[in-house]
Amino acid sequence: MNKHLTVSELTEQIRSCLEGSFSVVCVEGEISNCRPASSGHLYFSLKDSGAKIDAVMFRNRLRTLTFEPKDGMLLRIRGSLSVYAPRGTYSIVCEEMEIAGSGVILAMLEKRKQKLAAEGLFDSERKKALPRFPGTVAVVSSPTGAAVRDILNILERRAAGIKVVILPAPVQGEEAACIIASRIRQANQWNKQGLKFADVLIVGRGGGSLEDLLPFSEEEVVRAVAESDIPVVSAVGHEIDWALCDFAADLRAPTPSAAAELVSENYSSVANQISAMADNIRNIIQAKIERAGLLLKPFAPQDMEYRFRSILQPRLVRLDDAKEALIDAVSEKCAVLRGRIGLAAAVLEAGSPLAAMERGFSVVTDSSGAVIRNAADAKKGDLLTVRPLKGVISATVEDISN
């Protein structure tokens, strides 16, 4: 105990031992917790069923890759061990990287995805529309996680009137999937009992490794999401993360914060839209009123008589002209008809027996009233009646001459 080392001295000896003994290593394992840094370097872990080791690939070596490393890939890397003294950790510094396979977790998830998709759990026809103005939002997540805090902050800022109910559930570990699924079913059961528990459900958590997000890909969680009568928004991890419940949910949000924005209409934005529409309607009505005023201005009371006369006078002139023309036409027609009637009367007069009698002719009839047209029709001693123009003469036949 009298001869001791400082922490730095011990770490230096460990670093010399490790880096000297493992200057070049070739390791195969499944990539996990892959997180690109803002500096351009890639930090991740390699794991198998029994162990895990941290690794890093610097920016200048990343440029040589022909693929994008993602969680779940089975990779084969070549590099060297390095000790990071400030944290007392060691990792592999990768020089080369190649794909060795799809990875156990990814293969399992792909097989499960195909099974659930074949059952129709991911069909677009099952998707429900989210209400535009939900009254209550239920969140299935860890009550102490950053995801819940982000959701509460955004809902408070965008739509302070929304009621938020937290349904606590662990978001990783062996029991997480069972509790998450039961919380989803519990919310739906309360809704069916007439409590109107929630209008929309947010199911999710913050970012993490592929293993951390596995509960949200468990079959019972995916089925609970698909069976939910309440619209479900899946908000698992960050933008590059994914889980099978994303495909079954009615809407996928890239982050929990984005989920809060999707389920909450910005009330101030809606108020501004309503105000803008009201101004637009007001302007349209005002423009129509002004246009109607311009159209009505020529019809002011002082101008109406003049306008009426200007419209009526030409029609009165036309009426007078038409009346005169009609009178002239009728007069001309009457003169023609009058001439024709006079001519017809003259013809009738000329053929009238009275006209002949005025010229000295008389009508002679026998005792039976038959007209004597031939002297042979009379007999000597017959009583005849002679009708001149005026009066009647009775005569007896004394002599007949043919």
Foldseek 3Di string as FASTA:
>chain_A
DVDDDDLLVVLVVVQCVQCVVWVKDKDKFFWKPWDQDPQQKIKIWGDDPPDIFIEIEGRVQVVPDPDDDDGQFIKIFMFGKGADSVVRGIHGYTNDMDTPGRHDVNVVLVVLLVVVVVVVLLPLVLFDDADAAWQEEEEEEAPPAPLVVLLVVLCCQQPVRHHYHYDHAYQADDCRLVSSLVSLVVQQVCVVVVNCNTQEYEYEHEAGMPRSRASCQDPSNLVSQLPHPRQYEYAYYAQVDDHSNCSNGSYYARHSNRVSPVNYHRPVVVVVVVVVVVVVVVVVVVVVVVVVCVVCVCVPPVNVVVVVCVVVVVVVVVVVVVVVVVVVVVVVVVVVVVVVVVVVVVVVCVVDVLNVLVVPDWWKAFPVRHTDPALVVDDAQTWMWIGGNDDIDIDGHHDTDD
